[in-house]
Amino acid sequence: MSSFLIKEYRGDRSMREMAKKYNVSIQSWSRWEYGDAYPRTPLLVRLAKDIGCTVSDLIQSIEYTSKVLTRNGRGKDKCHA
């Protein structure tokens, strides 16, 4: 399971494309999708605007993903990108 808002926004585009668009590493983008980390504040704001949601909605999506994956033995509970 991935952070549904970020994964949905990425759609059919590759992580590489999205990482390039937001000037981050592919690993950072992946951590956001898997709920292992949050984008830094300026990127949270930009992503939320681009996705069409609030920053709060985006954070809740990432937190939910992290909790589900941690409960299933995968997540790492990191809050930094």
N, C-alpha and C. Protein backbone atom coordinates (compact mmCIF):
# COMPACT_ATOMS: atom_id res chain seq x y z
N MET A 1 0.85 -1.18 0.00
CA MET A 1 0.00 0.00 0.00
C MET A 1 0.89 1.23 0.00
N SER A 2 0.48 2.23 -0.72
CA SER A 2 1.27 3.46 -0.76
C SER A 2 0.42 4.62 -0.27
N SER A 3 1.07 5.75 -0.04
CA SER A 3 0.32 6.94 0.33
C SER A 3 -0.63 7.23 -0.83
N PHE A 4 -1.90 6.95 -0.63
CA PHE A 4 -2.84 6.95 -1.74
C PHE A 4 -2.90 8.28 -2.48
N LEU A 5 -2.77 9.39 -1.82
CA LEU A 5 -2.84 10.67 -2.52
C LEU A 5 -1.62 10.88 -3.43
N ILE A 6 -0.45 10.56 -2.93
CA ILE A 6 0.77 10.74 -3.73
C ILE A 6 0.80 9.73 -4.87
N LYS A 7 0.47 8.48 -4.58
CA LYS A 7 0.46 7.43 -5.60
C LYS A 7 -0.58 7.74 -6.67
N GLU A 8 -1.76 8.16 -6.25
CA GLU A 8 -2.82 8.50 -7.20
C GLU A 8 -2.40 9.68 -8.08
N TYR A 9 -1.77 10.67 -7.49
CA TYR A 9 -1.30 11.83 -8.24
C TYR A 9 -0.25 11.43 -9.27
N ARG A 10 0.64 10.50 -8.90
CA ARG A 10 1.68 10.06 -9.84
C ARG A 10 1.06 9.37 -11.04
N GLY A 11 -0.01 8.62 -10.82
CA GLY A 11 -0.69 7.95 -11.93
C GLY A 11 0.25 7.00 -12.67
N ASP A 12 0.29 7.16 -14.00
CA ASP A 12 1.11 6.29 -14.84
C ASP A 12 2.54 6.79 -15.00
N ARG A 13 2.83 7.93 -14.43
CA ARG A 13 4.19 8.47 -14.54
C ARG A 13 5.14 7.68 -13.64
N SER A 14 6.39 7.63 -14.01
CA SER A 14 7.37 6.91 -13.21
C SER A 14 7.79 7.73 -11.99
N MET A 15 8.34 7.04 -11.00
CA MET A 15 8.88 7.74 -9.84
C MET A 15 10.01 8.66 -10.29
N ARG A 16 10.78 8.24 -11.28
CA ARG A 16 11.88 9.05 -11.79
C ARG A 16 11.35 10.39 -12.34
N GLU A 17 10.26 10.34 -13.10
CA GLU A 17 9.66 11.57 -13.64
C GLU A 17 9.22 12.50 -12.52
N MET A 18 8.56 11.92 -11.51
CA MET A 18 8.06 12.75 -10.42
C MET A 18 9.19 13.31 -9.58
N ALA A 19 10.22 12.50 -9.34
CA ALA A 19 11.37 12.97 -8.57
C ALA A 19 12.03 14.13 -9.30
N LYS A 20 12.15 14.02 -10.61
CA LYS A 20 12.76 15.10 -11.40
C LYS A 20 11.90 16.37 -11.33
N LYS A 21 10.59 16.20 -11.45
CA LYS A 21 9.67 17.35 -11.40
C LYS A 21 9.79 18.11 -10.08
N TYR A 22 9.99 17.38 -8.99
CA TYR A 22 10.05 18.00 -7.67
C TYR A 22 11.48 18.17 -7.16
N ASN A 23 12.44 17.86 -8.03
CA ASN A 23 13.86 18.05 -7.72
C ASN A 23 14.28 17.31 -6.45
N VAL A 24 13.87 16.05 -6.36
CA VAL A 24 14.25 15.18 -5.25
C VAL A 24 14.77 13.86 -5.81
N SER A 25 15.36 13.05 -4.96
CA SER A 25 15.83 11.74 -5.41
C SER A 25 14.64 10.79 -5.58
N ILE A 26 14.87 9.75 -6.36
CA ILE A 26 13.84 8.72 -6.51
C ILE A 26 13.57 8.07 -5.16
N GLN A 27 14.61 7.92 -4.37
CA GLN A 27 14.45 7.32 -3.05
C GLN A 27 13.53 8.16 -2.16
N SER A 28 13.67 9.48 -2.24
CA SER A 28 12.78 10.36 -1.45
C SER A 28 11.35 10.18 -1.89
N TRP A 29 11.13 10.19 -3.20
CA TRP A 29 9.76 10.03 -3.71
C TRP A 29 9.18 8.70 -3.24
N SER A 30 9.97 7.65 -3.33
CA SER A 30 9.52 6.33 -2.90
C SER A 30 9.16 6.32 -1.42
N ARG A 31 9.99 6.94 -0.59
CA ARG A 31 9.71 7.00 0.85
C ARG A 31 8.39 7.72 1.12
N TRP A 32 8.11 8.76 0.33
CA TRP A 32 6.83 9.46 0.52
C TRP A 32 5.67 8.54 0.17
N GLU A 33 5.79 7.84 -0.95
CA GLU A 33 4.70 6.94 -1.37
C GLU A 33 4.47 5.83 -0.36
N TYR A 34 5.54 5.33 0.24
CA TYR A 34 5.41 4.23 1.18
C TYR A 34 5.20 4.68 2.62
N GLY A 35 5.09 5.98 2.83
CA GLY A 35 4.81 6.49 4.17
C GLY A 35 5.99 6.42 5.11
N ASP A 36 7.20 6.26 4.56
CA ASP A 36 8.40 6.19 5.38
C ASP A 36 8.95 7.57 5.73
N ALA A 37 8.51 8.59 5.03
CA ALA A 37 9.02 9.95 5.26
C ALA A 37 8.02 10.96 4.75
N TYR A 38 8.17 12.19 5.21
CA TYR A 38 7.35 13.30 4.73
C TYR A 38 8.21 14.19 3.84
N PRO A 39 7.61 14.80 2.84
CA PRO A 39 8.34 15.86 2.11
C PRO A 39 8.59 17.03 3.06
N ARG A 40 9.63 17.77 2.81
CA ARG A 40 9.87 18.99 3.60
C ARG A 40 8.71 19.96 3.37
N THR A 41 8.54 20.88 4.29
CA THR A 41 7.37 21.77 4.28
C THR A 41 7.11 22.46 2.94
N PRO A 42 8.11 23.08 2.30
CA PRO A 42 7.81 23.73 1.01
C PRO A 42 7.28 22.74 -0.03
N LEU A 43 7.81 21.51 -0.01
CA LEU A 43 7.33 20.51 -0.96
C LEU A 43 5.96 19.98 -0.58
N LEU A 44 5.68 19.88 0.73
CA LEU A 44 4.34 19.49 1.17
C LEU A 44 3.30 20.47 0.63
N VAL A 45 3.61 21.74 0.75
CA VAL A 45 2.69 22.78 0.28
C VAL A 45 2.51 22.68 -1.23
N ARG A 46 3.62 22.54 -1.96
CA ARG A 46 3.54 22.44 -3.43
C ARG A 46 2.79 21.19 -3.87
N LEU A 47 3.11 20.05 -3.25
CA LEU A 47 2.43 18.80 -3.59
C LEU A 47 0.93 18.89 -3.32
N ALA A 48 0.58 19.41 -2.16
CA ALA A 48 -0.84 19.54 -1.82
C ALA A 48 -1.55 20.40 -2.86
N LYS A 49 -0.93 21.50 -3.24
CA LYS A 49 -1.53 22.39 -4.25
C LYS A 49 -1.68 21.66 -5.58
N ASP A 50 -0.62 20.96 -5.99
CA ASP A 50 -0.66 20.24 -7.26
C ASP A 50 -1.68 19.10 -7.26
N ILE A 51 -1.80 18.41 -6.10
CA ILE A 51 -2.75 17.31 -5.98
C ILE A 51 -4.18 17.84 -5.87
N GLY A 52 -4.32 19.03 -5.27
CA GLY A 52 -5.65 19.59 -5.08
C GLY A 52 -6.25 19.19 -3.74
N CYS A 53 -5.38 19.07 -2.73
CA CYS A 53 -5.85 18.73 -1.39
C CYS A 53 -5.18 19.68 -0.40
N THR A 54 -5.53 19.53 0.86
CA THR A 54 -4.89 20.35 1.88
C THR A 54 -3.61 19.67 2.34
N VAL A 55 -2.72 20.44 2.94
CA VAL A 55 -1.50 19.87 3.52
C VAL A 55 -1.89 18.83 4.58
N SER A 56 -2.90 19.14 5.35
CA SER A 56 -3.37 18.21 6.38
C SER A 56 -3.81 16.88 5.77
N ASP A 57 -4.55 16.93 4.67
CA ASP A 57 -4.98 15.69 4.00
C ASP A 57 -3.77 14.88 3.53
N LEU A 58 -2.79 15.57 3.00
CA LEU A 58 -1.59 14.90 2.50
C LEU A 58 -0.82 14.23 3.64
N ILE A 59 -0.65 14.94 4.75
CA ILE A 59 0.04 14.37 5.91
C ILE A 59 -0.73 13.17 6.45
N GLN A 60 -2.04 13.29 6.54
CA GLN A 60 -2.85 12.17 7.04
C GLN A 60 -2.72 10.95 6.14
N SER A 61 -2.64 11.17 4.84
CA SER A 61 -2.46 10.07 3.89
C SER A 61 -1.13 9.36 4.13
N ILE A 62 -0.07 10.13 4.34
CA ILE A 62 1.25 9.56 4.59
C ILE A 62 1.27 8.84 5.94
N GLU A 63 0.67 9.45 6.97
CA GLU A 63 0.64 8.83 8.30
C GLU A 63 -0.15 7.52 8.28
N TYR A 64 -1.27 7.52 7.59
CA TYR A 64 -2.09 6.32 7.50
C TYR A 64 -1.28 5.19 6.85
N THR A 65 -0.62 5.51 5.76
CA THR A 65 0.19 4.51 5.06
C THR A 65 1.28 3.96 5.97
N SER A 66 1.96 4.84 6.69
CA SER A 66 3.03 4.43 7.59
C SER A 66 2.50 3.49 8.66
N LYS A 67 1.35 3.80 9.25
CA LYS A 67 0.77 2.97 10.30
C LYS A 67 0.39 1.59 9.77
N VAL A 68 -0.22 1.56 8.60
CA VAL A 68 -0.64 0.28 8.02
C VAL A 68 0.58 -0.58 7.71
N LEU A 69 1.60 0.02 7.10
CA LEU A 69 2.78 -0.75 6.73
C LEU A 69 3.57 -1.18 7.96
N THR A 70 3.63 -0.34 8.99
CA THR A 70 4.32 -0.70 10.22
C THR A 70 3.59 -1.87 10.89
N ARG A 71 2.29 -1.80 10.90
CA ARG A 71 1.49 -2.87 11.50
C ARG A 71 1.69 -4.18 10.74
N ASN A 72 1.93 -4.08 9.43
CA ASN A 72 2.14 -5.27 8.61
C ASN A 72 3.61 -5.65 8.49
N GLY A 73 4.48 -5.00 9.28
CA GLY A 73 5.87 -5.38 9.34
C GLY A 73 6.77 -4.77 8.29
N ARG A 74 6.35 -3.72 7.58
CA ARG A 74 7.18 -3.13 6.55
C ARG A 74 7.67 -1.75 6.88
N GLY A 75 6.85 -0.90 7.47
CA GLY A 75 7.18 0.51 7.65
C GLY A 75 8.33 0.78 8.61
N LYS A 76 8.86 1.99 8.53
CA LYS A 76 10.00 2.38 9.36
C LYS A 76 9.70 3.54 10.28
N ASP A 77 8.56 4.19 10.11
CA ASP A 77 8.16 5.33 10.96
C ASP A 77 9.19 6.46 10.96
N LYS A 78 9.59 6.93 9.81
CA LYS A 78 10.48 8.08 9.70
C LYS A 78 9.65 9.29 9.30
N CYS A 79 10.07 10.45 9.73
CA CYS A 79 9.33 11.66 9.41
C CYS A 79 10.23 12.69 8.71
N HIS A 80 11.23 12.25 8.01
CA HIS A 80 12.14 13.18 7.34
C HIS A 80 12.40 12.71 5.92
N ALA A 81 12.60 13.68 5.04
CA ALA A 81 12.94 13.32 3.65
C ALA A 81 14.25 13.97 3.29
